[in-house]
Amino acid sequence: MPLPEPDLTRLRAVLNERRHAAGFTFEQLAEASGISRQTLLNISSGKYNGDLRTWLKLSRTFGVSIDELLGDVWR
């Protein structure tokens, strides 16, 4: 059975929801994750989806698996 296509528009919401829940500013998240503030802003605004490395860093920073972080994107 084939996997459903991801809804990449959800990536923006995933980042924003997790960042707010963790209480991070963009500066704090950039420092904690090693991802540039500009990249985070671009994902947050929907201008960039990020790559696998970016999402792995974010999952580690938020203390969740990548499946947990991105699961809603695949529904």
N, C-alpha and C. Protein backbone atom coordinates (compact mmCIF):
# COMPACT_ATOMS: atom_id res chain seq x y z
N MET A 1 0.84 -1.18 0.00
CA MET A 1 0.00 0.00 0.00
C MET A 1 0.89 1.24 0.00
N PRO A 2 0.70 2.15 -0.95
CA PRO A 2 1.55 3.34 -1.02
C PRO A 2 1.27 4.32 0.12
N LEU A 3 2.32 5.04 0.49
CA LEU A 3 2.17 6.08 1.51
C LEU A 3 1.44 7.28 0.93
N PRO A 4 0.68 7.99 1.75
CA PRO A 4 0.05 9.20 1.25
C PRO A 4 1.11 10.26 0.97
N GLU A 5 0.77 11.18 0.11
CA GLU A 5 1.68 12.29 -0.16
C GLU A 5 1.71 13.23 1.05
N PRO A 6 2.88 13.74 1.39
CA PRO A 6 2.96 14.67 2.54
C PRO A 6 2.32 16.01 2.21
N ASP A 7 1.76 16.62 3.21
CA ASP A 7 1.22 17.98 3.09
C ASP A 7 2.31 18.93 3.58
N LEU A 8 3.19 19.34 2.68
CA LEU A 8 4.34 20.15 3.05
C LEU A 8 3.95 21.51 3.60
N THR A 9 2.73 21.95 3.35
CA THR A 9 2.29 23.22 3.93
C THR A 9 2.20 23.11 5.46
N ARG A 10 2.11 21.89 5.99
CA ARG A 10 2.05 21.68 7.45
C ARG A 10 3.39 21.90 8.13
N LEU A 11 4.50 21.86 7.38
CA LEU A 11 5.81 22.04 8.01
C LEU A 11 5.89 23.36 8.76
N ARG A 12 5.36 24.38 8.16
CA ARG A 12 5.33 25.70 8.78
C ARG A 12 4.64 25.65 10.15
N ALA A 13 3.48 25.02 10.18
CA ALA A 13 2.72 24.92 11.43
C ALA A 13 3.45 24.08 12.46
N VAL A 14 4.08 23.00 12.02
CA VAL A 14 4.82 22.12 12.94
C VAL A 14 5.90 22.93 13.66
N LEU A 15 6.68 23.67 12.90
CA LEU A 15 7.75 24.46 13.52
C LEU A 15 7.17 25.50 14.48
N ASN A 16 6.18 26.23 14.05
CA ASN A 16 5.62 27.29 14.89
C ASN A 16 4.99 26.74 16.17
N GLU A 17 4.25 25.64 16.05
CA GLU A 17 3.61 25.05 17.23
C GLU A 17 4.64 24.52 18.22
N ARG A 18 5.65 23.82 17.72
CA ARG A 18 6.68 23.27 18.61
C ARG A 18 7.50 24.38 19.26
N ARG A 19 7.84 25.39 18.48
CA ARG A 19 8.64 26.49 19.01
C ARG A 19 7.89 27.20 20.13
N HIS A 20 6.61 27.49 19.90
CA HIS A 20 5.81 28.15 20.94
C HIS A 20 5.66 27.28 22.18
N ALA A 21 5.39 25.99 21.96
CA ALA A 21 5.21 25.07 23.09
C ALA A 21 6.48 24.96 23.93
N ALA A 22 7.63 25.03 23.28
CA ALA A 22 8.91 24.94 23.99
C ALA A 22 9.32 26.28 24.60
N GLY A 23 8.63 27.35 24.21
CA GLY A 23 8.95 28.67 24.76
C GLY A 23 10.19 29.29 24.17
N PHE A 24 10.57 28.88 22.98
CA PHE A 24 11.76 29.41 22.32
C PHE A 24 11.44 30.64 21.47
N THR A 25 12.32 31.62 21.52
CA THR A 25 12.32 32.65 20.50
C THR A 25 13.08 32.07 19.30
N PHE A 26 13.03 32.75 18.17
CA PHE A 26 13.80 32.27 17.03
C PHE A 26 15.29 32.28 17.35
N GLU A 27 15.75 33.29 18.06
CA GLU A 27 17.17 33.36 18.45
C GLU A 27 17.55 32.17 19.32
N GLN A 28 16.74 31.87 20.31
CA GLN A 28 17.02 30.76 21.22
C GLN A 28 17.01 29.42 20.49
N LEU A 29 16.04 29.24 19.59
CA LEU A 29 15.96 27.99 18.84
C LEU A 29 17.15 27.86 17.90
N ALA A 30 17.55 28.95 17.30
CA ALA A 30 18.73 28.92 16.42
C ALA A 30 19.97 28.50 17.20
N GLU A 31 20.14 29.07 18.35
CA GLU A 31 21.31 28.75 19.18
C GLU A 31 21.27 27.29 19.65
N ALA A 32 20.10 26.84 20.09
CA ALA A 32 19.98 25.48 20.62
C ALA A 32 20.11 24.41 19.54
N SER A 33 19.66 24.71 18.34
CA SER A 33 19.63 23.71 17.27
C SER A 33 20.82 23.76 16.32
N GLY A 34 21.48 24.90 16.26
CA GLY A 34 22.56 25.06 15.29
C GLY A 34 22.06 25.39 13.90
N ILE A 35 20.80 25.78 13.79
CA ILE A 35 20.18 26.18 12.52
C ILE A 35 20.11 27.70 12.52
N SER A 36 20.43 28.30 11.41
CA SER A 36 20.43 29.76 11.38
C SER A 36 19.03 30.33 11.64
N ARG A 37 19.00 31.48 12.26
CA ARG A 37 17.74 32.17 12.53
C ARG A 37 16.99 32.42 11.24
N GLN A 38 17.71 32.80 10.18
CA GLN A 38 17.06 33.09 8.90
C GLN A 38 16.40 31.85 8.32
N THR A 39 17.06 30.70 8.44
CA THR A 39 16.45 29.45 7.96
C THR A 39 15.17 29.16 8.74
N LEU A 40 15.22 29.33 10.04
CA LEU A 40 14.03 29.10 10.86
C LEU A 40 12.90 30.05 10.48
N LEU A 41 13.24 31.31 10.25
CA LEU A 41 12.23 32.28 9.82
C LEU A 41 11.64 31.91 8.47
N ASN A 42 12.48 31.42 7.56
CA ASN A 42 11.99 31.02 6.24
C ASN A 42 11.07 29.81 6.32
N ILE A 43 11.36 28.86 7.18
CA ILE A 43 10.46 27.72 7.37
C ILE A 43 9.17 28.20 8.01
N SER A 44 9.29 29.04 9.02
CA SER A 44 8.13 29.55 9.74
C SER A 44 7.17 30.32 8.85
N SER A 45 7.70 30.98 7.84
CA SER A 45 6.85 31.77 6.94
C SER A 45 6.41 30.98 5.71
N GLY A 46 6.91 29.75 5.55
CA GLY A 46 6.53 28.93 4.41
C GLY A 46 7.36 29.15 3.17
N LYS A 47 8.44 29.94 3.27
CA LYS A 47 9.30 30.20 2.11
C LYS A 47 10.25 29.04 1.82
N TYR A 48 10.49 28.20 2.82
CA TYR A 48 11.45 27.10 2.71
C TYR A 48 10.92 25.94 3.53
N ASN A 49 11.07 24.72 3.02
CA ASN A 49 10.60 23.55 3.76
C ASN A 49 11.65 22.91 4.64
N GLY A 50 12.90 23.27 4.45
CA GLY A 50 13.96 22.63 5.20
C GLY A 50 14.34 21.32 4.54
N ASP A 51 15.44 20.74 4.99
CA ASP A 51 15.88 19.45 4.48
C ASP A 51 15.90 18.47 5.65
N LEU A 52 16.28 17.25 5.35
CA LEU A 52 16.27 16.22 6.38
C LEU A 52 17.17 16.59 7.56
N ARG A 53 18.34 17.12 7.28
CA ARG A 53 19.27 17.51 8.35
C ARG A 53 18.62 18.56 9.27
N THR A 54 17.94 19.52 8.68
CA THR A 54 17.27 20.56 9.46
C THR A 54 16.24 19.96 10.40
N TRP A 55 15.42 19.06 9.88
CA TRP A 55 14.35 18.47 10.70
C TRP A 55 14.91 17.50 11.75
N LEU A 56 16.01 16.84 11.44
CA LEU A 56 16.65 16.00 12.45
C LEU A 56 17.18 16.85 13.61
N LYS A 57 17.80 17.96 13.27
CA LYS A 57 18.30 18.87 14.32
C LYS A 57 17.14 19.40 15.16
N LEU A 58 16.05 19.74 14.52
CA LEU A 58 14.89 20.25 15.26
C LEU A 58 14.29 19.16 16.15
N SER A 59 14.20 17.94 15.65
CA SER A 59 13.63 16.87 16.48
C SER A 59 14.49 16.65 17.72
N ARG A 60 15.79 16.69 17.55
CA ARG A 60 16.69 16.52 18.71
C ARG A 60 16.56 17.69 19.68
N THR A 61 16.45 18.89 19.14
CA THR A 61 16.32 20.06 20.00
C THR A 61 15.02 20.02 20.80
N PHE A 62 13.94 19.57 20.17
CA PHE A 62 12.65 19.48 20.86
C PHE A 62 12.51 18.21 21.69
N GLY A 63 13.48 17.29 21.58
CA GLY A 63 13.46 16.07 22.38
C GLY A 63 12.41 15.07 21.95
N VAL A 64 12.12 15.03 20.65
CA VAL A 64 11.14 14.08 20.12
C VAL A 64 11.74 13.36 18.92
N SER A 65 11.15 12.25 18.55
CA SER A 65 11.61 11.55 17.35
C SER A 65 11.17 12.34 16.12
N ILE A 66 11.82 12.09 15.02
CA ILE A 66 11.43 12.77 13.79
C ILE A 66 10.03 12.31 13.36
N ASP A 67 9.68 11.07 13.67
CA ASP A 67 8.32 10.58 13.38
C ASP A 67 7.28 11.39 14.16
N GLU A 68 7.57 11.62 15.42
CA GLU A 68 6.64 12.40 16.24
C GLU A 68 6.56 13.84 15.75
N LEU A 69 7.69 14.39 15.38
CA LEU A 69 7.72 15.79 14.94
C LEU A 69 6.98 15.98 13.62
N LEU A 70 7.16 15.05 12.69
CA LEU A 70 6.62 15.24 11.33
C LEU A 70 5.43 14.36 11.00
N GLY A 71 4.93 13.61 11.95
CA GLY A 71 3.83 12.69 11.70
C GLY A 71 2.61 13.34 11.08
N ASP A 72 2.24 14.53 11.53
CA ASP A 72 1.05 15.21 11.00
C ASP A 72 1.20 15.62 9.55
N VAL A 73 2.41 15.75 9.09
CA VAL A 73 2.66 16.15 7.70
C VAL A 73 2.23 15.03 6.75
N TRP A 74 2.25 13.80 7.22
CA TRP A 74 1.95 12.64 6.39
C TRP A 74 0.52 12.16 6.49
N ARG A 75 -0.34 12.90 7.15
CA ARG A 75 -1.76 12.49 7.31
C ARG A 75 -2.65 13.23 6.38
